[in-house]
Amino acid sequence: MSTNFKALFKKNREEKASIQSNLMLGDVFPLEKLKEPVDIDNENFMVLFVSFSCRDCIEMLPQLSAFNPFHRQFLIITDGEEAEYRGLIAHFNYSFVATGIPFRDFYPSFGVAITPQAYRIRDGRIDRIGSPHTGEELLALWNGASDPHA
């Protein structure tokens, strides 16, 4: 019996994508589930979920300063405590909003099972979902590209 590794790989990738998010294109992003209100343009913005235990997330952090011009349109949500995400903002001199929630709440509240995970919101609704691994991929998602890892 031979194994079709291409089909197995495709099935694994589809299963991973299906658990990555329970939010779908066209859904309203649930900002109200954050533990504190954020100063952000509620109609057009991007949300990036990162974990401080995720290597790709950590490597992407210095590249996120490219989003400083979009300070009211970019939100980073970490699994860190307030002192940690405030330290992150200060260290990288970010001008955009950052907040934190426990990682255990990423999935029940926002459908995020794997980090990094990003949502682009246009006209109040999710129009792109991706798992960017670099600042360049995140910027491409911001500009309307499809997720290169889907």
Protein backbone atom coordinates (compact mmCIF):
# COMPACT_ATOMS: atom_id res chain seq x y z
CA MET A 1 0.00 0.00 0.00
CA SER A 2 1.52 3.31 -1.04
CA THR A 3 0.86 6.60 0.66
CA ASN A 4 0.02 9.62 -1.42
CA PHE A 5 2.10 12.16 0.46
CA LYS A 6 0.83 15.08 -1.64
CA ALA A 7 -2.76 14.31 -0.66
CA LEU A 8 -1.74 13.74 2.97
CA PHE A 9 0.10 17.09 3.04
CA LYS A 10 -2.88 18.89 1.45
CA LYS A 11 -5.29 17.30 3.95
CA ASN A 12 -3.04 18.29 6.89
CA ARG A 13 -2.79 21.88 5.61
CA GLU A 14 -6.59 22.10 5.18
CA GLU A 15 -7.17 20.73 8.69
CA LYS A 16 -4.67 23.23 10.15
CA ALA A 17 -6.38 26.11 8.34
CA SER A 18 -9.80 25.01 9.59
CA ILE A 19 -8.72 25.15 13.25
CA GLN A 20 -6.74 28.34 12.86
CA SER A 21 -9.77 30.58 13.12
CA ASN A 22 -13.47 30.31 13.77
CA LEU A 23 -13.93 33.88 12.52
CA MET A 24 -14.76 33.95 8.84
CA LEU A 25 -14.53 36.40 6.01
CA GLY A 26 -17.43 38.84 6.32
CA ASP A 27 -17.67 38.54 10.13
CA VAL A 28 -17.45 41.57 12.38
CA PHE A 29 -14.25 41.41 14.44
CA PRO A 30 -15.27 41.18 18.14
CA LEU A 31 -13.32 44.11 19.63
CA GLU A 32 -15.72 44.11 22.58
CA LYS A 33 -14.09 40.87 23.81
CA LEU A 34 -10.89 42.72 24.68
CA LYS A 35 -10.49 43.32 28.41
CA GLU A 36 -9.94 47.05 27.83
CA PRO A 37 -11.16 49.41 25.09
CA VAL A 38 -8.65 50.33 22.39
CA ASP A 39 -8.31 53.58 20.45
CA ILE A 40 -8.61 52.26 16.92
CA ASP A 41 -10.52 53.02 13.72
CA ASN A 42 -13.34 50.47 14.13
CA GLU A 43 -14.09 50.32 10.40
CA ASN A 44 -10.67 49.78 8.79
CA PHE A 45 -7.85 48.14 10.70
CA MET A 46 -5.62 45.10 11.06
CA VAL A 47 -5.24 42.89 14.13
CA LEU A 48 -2.16 40.74 14.67
CA PHE A 49 -2.09 38.06 17.37
CA VAL A 50 1.37 37.14 18.63
CA SER A 51 2.64 34.93 21.40
CA PHE A 52 5.84 35.58 23.28
CA SER A 53 6.53 31.83 23.03
CA CYS A 54 6.25 31.84 19.20
CA ARG A 55 9.60 32.08 17.39
CA ASP A 56 8.11 33.54 14.18
CA CYS A 57 6.23 36.13 16.26
CA ILE A 58 9.37 37.20 18.13
CA GLU A 59 11.36 37.45 14.89
CA MET A 60 8.62 39.60 13.33
CA LEU A 61 8.44 42.14 16.20
CA PRO A 62 11.27 44.45 14.98
CA GLN A 63 9.66 44.57 11.52
CA LEU A 64 6.33 45.84 12.86
CA SER A 65 7.57 49.41 13.15
CA ALA A 66 6.63 49.63 9.45
CA PHE A 67 3.05 49.91 10.76
CA ASN A 68 3.74 53.02 12.87
CA PRO A 69 2.12 55.31 10.22
CA PHE A 70 -1.11 53.30 10.68
CA HIS A 71 -1.24 53.96 14.44
CA ARG A 72 -5.07 53.95 14.68
CA GLN A 73 -5.43 51.15 12.13
CA PHE A 74 -3.12 48.50 13.55
CA LEU A 75 -3.61 46.52 16.74
CA ILE A 76 -1.30 43.90 18.16
CA ILE A 77 -2.70 41.47 20.72
CA THR A 78 -0.15 39.54 22.75
CA ASP A 79 -0.36 36.82 25.34
CA GLY A 80 1.68 39.01 27.67
CA GLU A 81 0.86 40.92 30.80
CA GLU A 82 0.39 44.69 30.66
CA ALA A 83 4.00 45.42 31.69
CA GLU A 84 5.24 43.10 28.92
CA TYR A 85 3.24 44.61 26.05
CA ARG A 86 3.92 48.14 27.30
CA GLY A 87 7.61 47.23 27.40
CA LEU A 88 7.31 45.93 23.85
CA ILE A 89 5.82 49.25 22.68
CA ALA A 90 8.58 51.22 24.40
CA HIS A 91 11.41 48.96 23.22
CA PHE A 92 10.42 49.08 19.53
CA ASN A 93 8.99 52.61 19.74
CA TYR A 94 5.65 51.49 18.27
CA SER A 95 3.02 54.17 17.76
CA PHE A 96 0.16 51.72 17.24
CA VAL A 97 -2.01 50.08 19.87
CA ALA A 98 -1.01 46.93 21.73
CA THR A 99 -2.90 44.99 24.35
CA GLY A 100 -2.72 41.58 25.95
CA ILE A 101 -4.96 38.70 26.89
CA PRO A 102 -4.03 35.24 28.18
CA PHE A 103 -3.18 32.81 25.36
CA ARG A 104 -5.89 30.47 26.65
CA ASP A 105 -8.42 33.16 25.62
CA PHE A 106 -7.09 33.57 22.05
CA TYR A 107 -9.27 30.75 20.68
CA PRO A 108 -12.50 31.04 22.72
CA SER A 109 -12.65 34.82 22.28
CA PHE A 110 -11.13 35.32 18.82
CA GLY A 111 -10.80 31.92 17.18
CA VAL A 112 -7.01 32.03 17.17
CA ALA A 113 -5.40 28.63 17.76
CA ILE A 114 -2.00 29.29 16.16
CA THR A 115 0.18 32.39 16.11
CA PRO A 116 0.98 34.56 14.32
CA GLN A 117 -2.57 35.19 13.09
CA ALA A 118 -3.85 38.35 11.40
CA TYR A 119 -7.22 39.75 10.41
CA ARG A 120 -7.69 42.68 8.05
CA ILE A 121 -10.96 44.55 8.60
CA ARG A 122 -12.50 46.79 5.94
CA ASP A 123 -15.83 48.56 6.35
CA GLY A 124 -16.20 46.88 9.74
CA ARG A 125 -15.93 43.30 8.43
CA ILE A 126 -13.10 40.80 8.12
CA ASP A 127 -11.95 40.72 4.52
CA ARG A 128 -8.58 38.95 4.89
CA ILE A 129 -7.32 36.30 7.31
CA GLY A 130 -3.72 35.18 7.32
CA SER A 131 -0.83 33.69 9.17
CA PRO A 132 2.05 35.95 8.17
CA HIS A 133 5.52 34.93 9.30
CA THR A 134 7.35 38.12 8.34
CA GLY A 135 6.65 41.83 8.35
CA GLU A 136 6.70 41.71 4.55
CA GLU A 137 3.96 39.06 4.49
CA LEU A 138 1.92 41.08 6.98
CA LEU A 139 2.26 44.21 4.85
CA ALA A 140 1.18 42.22 1.77
CA LEU A 141 -1.90 41.04 3.70
CA TRP A 142 -2.55 44.67 4.72
CA ASN A 143 -2.43 45.60 1.02
CA GLY A 144 -4.95 42.91 0.10
CA ALA A 145 -2.82 39.89 -0.83
CA SER A 146 -3.94 36.39 0.03
CA ASP A 147 -2.22 34.45 2.81
CA PRO A 148 0.89 32.79 1.32
CA HIS A 149 0.59 29.95 3.85
CA ALA A 150 -3.03 29.03 3.12
